Amino acid sequence: MRIIEGAGQFTAPNGAASDWVEHLRVPDLSAGTYSIPAGGVDGQSPHTEDEVYVVMAGTALIEADSGTAEVAPGSVIYVPAGERHRFTNVTADLALLVIFGPAYGSRQA
C-alpha cells in the first residue's frame, strides 16, 4: 500500500502550456497529475496505453475521435490507446488525475 501525496492537485506550469507530474510507476500502470491553466492549450498526442482521467478541479471540453463532452470535477473519462484526444476551452484551471495501463510510455508505438 502507498498513499500518493499531491495526486490530482493543480500545479501551475512554469513557462509551459501544461504540467505533468508522475506520482506512481509500476509495470502495469502509472498515475500522475496533468494540469492545464485556464485558457491553456493541451498539445498532447495519442498514447500507446489506455488511460483514465479523473477531473479533480476546473472545467473544459474533451475532444476525441469518439466525440466531445464537457467535463468538470467528478467527471471520469476513459480514452483507449491510440485515440486522438485533447482538452479545449479550459475555462478554469484544470487538474486531472491520470491513470495509464500499462505504465505511460511502456508500449512501443
C-alpha atoms as a PDB file:
ATOM      1  CA  MET A   1       0.000   0.000   0.000  1.00  0.00           C
ATOM      2  CA  ARG A   2       1.148   3.510  -0.750  1.00  0.00           C
ATOM      3  CA  ILE A   3      -0.506   6.882  -0.117  1.00  0.00           C
ATOM      4  CA  ILE A   4       0.154   9.168  -3.080  1.00  0.00           C
ATOM      5  CA  GLU A   5       0.523  12.699  -1.735  1.00  0.00           C
ATOM      6  CA  GLY A   6      -0.413  15.577  -4.047  1.00  0.00           C
ATOM      7  CA  ALA A   7      -2.088  13.448  -6.702  1.00  0.00           C
ATOM      8  CA  GLY A   8      -4.731  15.464  -8.523  1.00  0.00           C
ATOM      9  CA  GLN A   9      -3.643  18.864  -7.201  1.00  0.00           C
ATOM     10  CA  PHE A  10      -3.243  21.627  -9.786  1.00  0.00           C
ATOM     11  CA  THR A  11       0.352  22.659 -10.464  1.00  0.00           C
ATOM     12  CA  ALA A  12       0.829  25.861 -12.459  1.00  0.00           C
ATOM     13  CA  PRO A  13       3.089  25.220 -15.447  1.00  0.00           C
ATOM     14  CA  ASN A  14       6.403  27.028 -15.226  1.00  0.00           C
ATOM     15  CA  GLY A  15       6.611  28.690 -18.650  1.00  0.00           C
ATOM     16  CA  ALA A  16       4.922  25.765 -20.407  1.00  0.00           C
ATOM     17  CA  ALA A  17       1.399  25.207 -21.725  1.00  0.00           C
ATOM     18  CA  SER A  18       0.728  22.363 -19.271  1.00  0.00           C
ATOM     19  CA  ASP A  19       2.317  20.463 -16.405  1.00  0.00           C
ATOM     20  CA  TRP A  20       2.694  16.667 -15.989  1.00  0.00           C
ATOM     21  CA  VAL A  21       3.863  15.105 -12.724  1.00  0.00           C
ATOM     22  CA  GLU A  22       4.137  11.330 -12.477  1.00  0.00           C
ATOM     23  CA  HIS A  23       3.404  10.125  -8.929  1.00  0.00           C
ATOM     24  CA  LEU A  24       3.499   6.350  -9.326  1.00  0.00           C
ATOM     25  CA  ARG A  25       5.004   3.894 -11.806  1.00  0.00           C
ATOM     26  CA  VAL A  26       4.833   0.114 -11.703  1.00  0.00           C
ATOM     27  CA  PRO A  27       4.916  -2.181 -14.756  1.00  0.00           C
ATOM     28  CA  ASP A  28       1.140  -2.487 -15.142  1.00  0.00           C
ATOM     29  CA  LEU A  29       0.105   1.127 -14.502  1.00  0.00           C
ATOM     30  CA  SER A  30       1.233   4.630 -13.772  1.00  0.00           C
ATOM     31  CA  ALA A  31      -0.552   7.580 -12.228  1.00  0.00           C
ATOM     32  CA  GLY A  32       0.074  11.281 -12.316  1.00  0.00           C
ATOM     33  CA  THR A  33      -1.415  14.743 -12.418  1.00  0.00           C
ATOM     34  CA  TYR A  34      -1.904  16.703 -15.637  1.00  0.00           C
ATOM     35  CA  SER A  35      -2.572  20.435 -15.133  1.00  0.00           C
ATOM     36  CA  ILE A  36      -3.698  22.951 -17.752  1.00  0.00           C
ATOM     37  CA  PRO A  37      -4.303  26.574 -16.703  1.00  0.00           C
ATOM     38  CA  ALA A  38      -7.449  28.446 -17.717  1.00  0.00           C
ATOM     39  CA  GLY A  39      -7.053  29.459 -21.350  1.00  0.00           C
ATOM     40  CA  GLY A  40      -4.180  26.991 -21.769  1.00  0.00           C
ATOM     41  CA  VAL A  41      -3.556  24.686 -24.707  1.00  0.00           C
ATOM     42  CA  ASP A  42      -3.372  20.902 -24.493  1.00  0.00           C
ATOM     43  CA  GLY A  43      -0.836  19.727 -27.057  1.00  0.00           C
ATOM     44  CA  GLN A  44      -0.795  16.034 -26.258  1.00  0.00           C
ATOM     45  CA  SER A  45      -0.580  13.271 -28.860  1.00  0.00           C
ATOM     46  CA  PRO A  46      -2.339   9.884 -28.732  1.00  0.00           C
ATOM     47  CA  HIS A  47      -0.833   7.468 -26.218  1.00  0.00           C
ATOM     48  CA  THR A  48       0.042   3.820 -26.686  1.00  0.00           C
ATOM     49  CA  GLU A  49      -1.602   2.951 -23.364  1.00  0.00           C
ATOM     50  CA  ASP A  50      -5.226   3.042 -22.202  1.00  0.00           C
ATOM     51  CA  GLU A  51      -5.910   5.900 -19.813  1.00  0.00           C
ATOM     52  CA  VAL A  52      -8.480   7.113 -17.341  1.00  0.00           C
ATOM     53  CA  TYR A  53      -8.801  10.794 -16.445  1.00  0.00           C
ATOM     54  CA  VAL A  54     -10.497  11.907 -13.220  1.00  0.00           C
ATOM     55  CA  VAL A  55     -11.243  15.638 -13.212  1.00  0.00           C
ATOM     56  CA  MET A  56     -10.278  16.956  -9.788  1.00  0.00           C
ATOM     57  CA  ALA A  57     -10.672  20.700 -10.489  1.00  0.00           C
ATOM     58  CA  GLY A  58     -11.569  23.016 -13.339  1.00  0.00           C
ATOM     59  CA  THR A  59     -13.796  22.913 -16.394  1.00  0.00           C
ATOM     60  CA  ALA A  60     -13.125  22.195 -20.055  1.00  0.00           C
ATOM     61  CA  LEU A  61     -14.211  20.257 -23.112  1.00  0.00           C
ATOM     62  CA  ILE A  62     -12.612  16.970 -24.073  1.00  0.00           C
ATOM     63  CA  GLU A  63     -12.479  16.430 -27.811  1.00  0.00           C
ATOM     64  CA  ALA A  64     -11.718  12.926 -29.059  1.00  0.00           C
ATOM     65  CA  ASP A  65     -12.174  10.804 -32.153  1.00  0.00           C
ATOM     66  CA  SER A  66     -15.272   9.358 -30.477  1.00  0.00           C
ATOM     67  CA  GLY A  67     -16.907  12.689 -29.555  1.00  0.00           C
ATOM     68  CA  THR A  68     -16.848  15.849 -27.453  1.00  0.00           C
ATOM     69  CA  ALA A  69     -18.045  16.345 -23.878  1.00  0.00           C
ATOM     70  CA  GLU A  70     -17.992  18.965 -21.147  1.00  0.00           C
ATOM     71  CA  VAL A  71     -16.005  17.941 -18.082  1.00  0.00           C
ATOM     72  CA  ALA A  72     -15.934  19.257 -14.525  1.00  0.00           C
ATOM     73  CA  PRO A  73     -14.892  17.967 -11.091  1.00  0.00           C
ATOM     74  CA  GLY A  74     -16.056  14.382 -10.685  1.00  0.00           C
ATOM     75  CA  SER A  75     -16.008  13.572 -14.411  1.00  0.00           C
ATOM     76  CA  VAL A  76     -14.262  10.284 -15.229  1.00  0.00           C
ATOM     77  CA  ILE A  77     -13.119   9.777 -18.821  1.00  0.00           C
ATOM     78  CA  TYR A  78     -11.760   6.600 -20.429  1.00  0.00           C
ATOM     79  CA  VAL A  79      -9.612   7.006 -23.557  1.00  0.00           C
ATOM     80  CA  PRO A  80      -8.429   3.827 -25.296  1.00  0.00           C
ATOM     81  CA  ALA A  81      -4.868   3.533 -26.540  1.00  0.00           C
ATOM     82  CA  GLY A  82      -4.309   5.306 -29.849  1.00  0.00           C
ATOM     83  CA  GLU A  83      -7.408   7.548 -29.769  1.00  0.00           C
ATOM     84  CA  ARG A  84      -6.689  11.212 -30.535  1.00  0.00           C
ATOM     85  CA  HIS A  85      -7.919  13.460 -27.732  1.00  0.00           C
ATOM     86  CA  ARG A  86      -7.261  16.792 -26.091  1.00  0.00           C
ATOM     87  CA  PHE A  87      -8.774  19.233 -23.651  1.00  0.00           C
ATOM     88  CA  THR A  88     -10.024  22.531 -25.099  1.00  0.00           C
ATOM     89  CA  ASN A  89     -11.934  25.562 -23.841  1.00  0.00           C
ATOM     90  CA  VAL A  90     -10.292  25.326 -20.418  1.00  0.00           C
ATOM     91  CA  THR A  91     -12.295  27.947 -18.521  1.00  0.00           C
ATOM     92  CA  ALA A  92     -10.944  27.235 -15.030  1.00  0.00           C
ATOM     93  CA  ASP A  93      -7.568  25.748 -14.027  1.00  0.00           C
ATOM     94  CA  LEU A  94      -7.842  22.057 -14.899  1.00  0.00           C
ATOM     95  CA  ALA A  95      -6.322  19.372 -12.650  1.00  0.00           C
ATOM     96  CA  LEU A  96      -6.616  15.802 -13.917  1.00  0.00           C
ATOM     97  CA  LEU A  97      -5.640  12.639 -12.100  1.00  0.00           C
ATOM     98  CA  VAL A  98      -4.451  10.358 -14.925  1.00  0.00           C
ATOM     99  CA  ILE A  99      -4.052   6.584 -14.708  1.00  0.00           C
ATOM    100  CA  PHE A 100      -2.322   4.717 -17.539  1.00  0.00           C
ATOM    101  CA  GLY A 101      -2.472   0.976 -18.094  1.00  0.00           C
ATOM    102  CA  PRO A 102       0.131  -0.304 -18.611  1.00  0.00           C
ATOM    103  CA  ALA A 103       2.558   2.348 -17.369  1.00  0.00           C
ATOM    104  CA  TYR A 104       2.890   5.505 -19.505  1.00  0.00           C
ATOM    105  CA  GLY A 105       5.394   5.071 -22.334  1.00  0.00           C
ATOM    106  CA  SER A 106       5.837   1.344 -21.746  1.00  0.00           C
ATOM    107  CA  ARG A 107       4.330   0.233 -25.084  1.00  0.00           C
ATOM    108  CA  GLN A 108       6.048   0.752 -28.411  1.00  0.00           C
ATOM    109  CA  ALA A 109       4.231   2.945 -30.945  1.00  0.00           C
END
